[in-house]
Amino acid sequence: LTVLEAAPDAPGEPVDIVGPICESGDVLAKERHLPPLAEGALLAICDTGAYATVMASGYNSRLSAAEVLVRGDDFATIRARPSYDSVLARDIVPDWLV
């Protein structure tokens, strides 16, 4: 997958960038001028501040994103996205409930 940079003269419109959960605080940017994006397009957000792993949760069974470290043309996944199985494996049912 590749994130493509839009041409400087690409048409655009002001849009809000929001997360996939219906929460008033799930907003990354408001009224950012962006070219039209197709469903499934990748959007690079270079500085998320507190909206990163430190603020992530499993709310609504959402898996946290992988973390990728980028320097120039180099990049590496420094934390893989968990699987549903690995997330569910963290839960332990006490013997007295079985």
Protein backbone atom coordinates (compact mmCIF):
# COMPACT_ATOMS: atom_id res chain seq x y z
CA LEU A 1 0.00 0.00 0.00
CA THR A 2 1.19 3.48 -0.79
CA VAL A 3 0.20 6.90 0.50
CA LEU A 4 0.23 9.30 -2.43
CA GLU A 5 0.75 13.03 -2.12
CA ALA A 6 -1.83 15.13 -3.92
CA ALA A 7 -0.67 17.57 -6.56
CA PRO A 8 -0.39 21.14 -5.24
CA ASP A 9 -3.11 22.29 -7.66
CA ALA A 10 -5.49 19.38 -6.92
CA PRO A 11 -9.08 20.48 -6.28
CA GLY A 12 -10.23 20.06 -2.74
CA GLU A 13 -12.71 20.98 -0.07
CA PRO A 14 -12.71 21.43 3.70
CA VAL A 15 -13.39 18.11 5.46
CA ASP A 16 -13.36 16.75 8.99
CA ILE A 17 -11.13 13.74 9.74
CA VAL A 18 -12.81 11.53 12.31
CA GLY A 19 -12.38 8.04 13.71
CA PRO A 20 -14.68 5.09 13.08
CA ILE A 21 -16.52 5.25 16.41
CA CYS A 22 -19.47 7.56 17.00
CA GLU A 23 -17.92 9.65 19.74
CA SER A 24 -17.72 13.42 19.94
CA GLY A 25 -14.04 13.21 20.89
CA ASP A 26 -13.04 10.93 17.99
CA VAL A 27 -11.92 13.88 15.85
CA LEU A 28 -8.43 14.24 14.39
CA ALA A 29 -8.95 17.43 12.35
CA LYS A 30 -11.70 19.86 11.45
CA GLU A 31 -12.14 21.64 8.12
CA ARG A 32 -8.81 20.51 6.61
CA HIS A 33 -8.53 21.28 2.90
CA LEU A 34 -8.08 17.90 1.17
CA PRO A 35 -8.58 16.56 -2.33
CA PRO A 36 -11.41 14.04 -2.81
CA LEU A 37 -10.60 10.70 -1.17
CA ALA A 38 -11.97 7.37 -2.35
CA GLU A 39 -13.16 4.71 0.07
CA GLY A 40 -10.14 2.73 1.25
CA ALA A 41 -7.67 5.52 0.45
CA LEU A 42 -4.76 5.91 2.86
CA LEU A 43 -4.28 9.15 4.76
CA ALA A 44 -0.96 9.85 6.46
CA ILE A 45 -1.33 11.72 9.74
CA CYS A 46 2.18 12.75 10.67
CA ASP A 47 1.60 13.96 14.21
CA THR A 48 -1.24 12.52 16.27
CA GLY A 49 -0.25 13.91 19.64
CA ALA A 50 -2.19 12.09 22.34
CA TYR A 51 -4.38 10.34 19.74
CA ALA A 52 -2.01 7.42 19.54
CA THR A 53 -1.51 4.12 21.34
CA VAL A 54 -1.33 5.81 24.73
CA MET A 55 -4.99 6.86 24.34
CA ALA A 56 -6.17 3.71 22.55
CA SER A 57 -8.68 1.30 24.02
CA GLY A 58 -10.58 -1.77 22.89
CA TYR A 59 -13.87 0.12 22.98
CA ASN A 60 -16.46 -1.46 20.66
CA SER A 61 -14.00 -4.32 19.98
CA ARG A 62 -11.80 -2.08 17.86
CA LEU A 63 -8.27 -3.37 17.44
CA SER A 64 -5.51 -0.82 17.93
CA ALA A 65 -3.53 0.18 14.86
CA ALA A 66 -0.03 -0.98 14.11
CA GLU A 67 2.67 1.57 14.93
CA VAL A 68 5.11 2.46 12.17
CA LEU A 69 8.26 4.51 12.70
CA VAL A 70 9.30 6.59 9.68
CA ARG A 71 12.56 8.41 9.00
CA GLY A 72 13.03 9.74 5.47
CA ASP A 73 12.53 6.80 3.10
CA ASP A 74 12.99 4.23 5.87
CA PHE A 75 10.10 2.75 7.83
CA ALA A 76 9.54 -0.14 10.19
CA THR A 77 6.58 -1.58 12.07
CA ILE A 78 7.54 -1.15 15.71
CA ARG A 79 4.31 -2.55 17.16
CA ALA A 80 2.16 -4.97 15.18
CA ARG A 81 -1.61 -4.69 15.16
CA PRO A 82 -3.00 -7.31 17.54
CA SER A 83 -5.32 -10.06 16.36
CA TYR A 84 -8.75 -10.62 17.88
CA ASP A 85 -7.49 -13.95 19.22
CA SER A 86 -4.59 -12.28 21.05
CA VAL A 87 -6.91 -9.66 22.55
CA LEU A 88 -9.43 -12.28 23.72
CA ALA A 89 -6.61 -14.43 25.13
CA ARG A 90 -5.90 -11.71 27.72
CA ASP A 91 -9.25 -12.40 29.41
CA ILE A 92 -9.39 -15.14 32.01
CA VAL A 93 -12.61 -16.74 33.21
CA PRO A 94 -12.31 -17.75 36.90
CA ASP A 95 -12.82 -21.45 37.64
CA TRP A 96 -15.73 -20.63 39.92
CA LEU A 97 -17.70 -19.22 36.94
CA VAL A 98 -17.26 -22.27 34.71
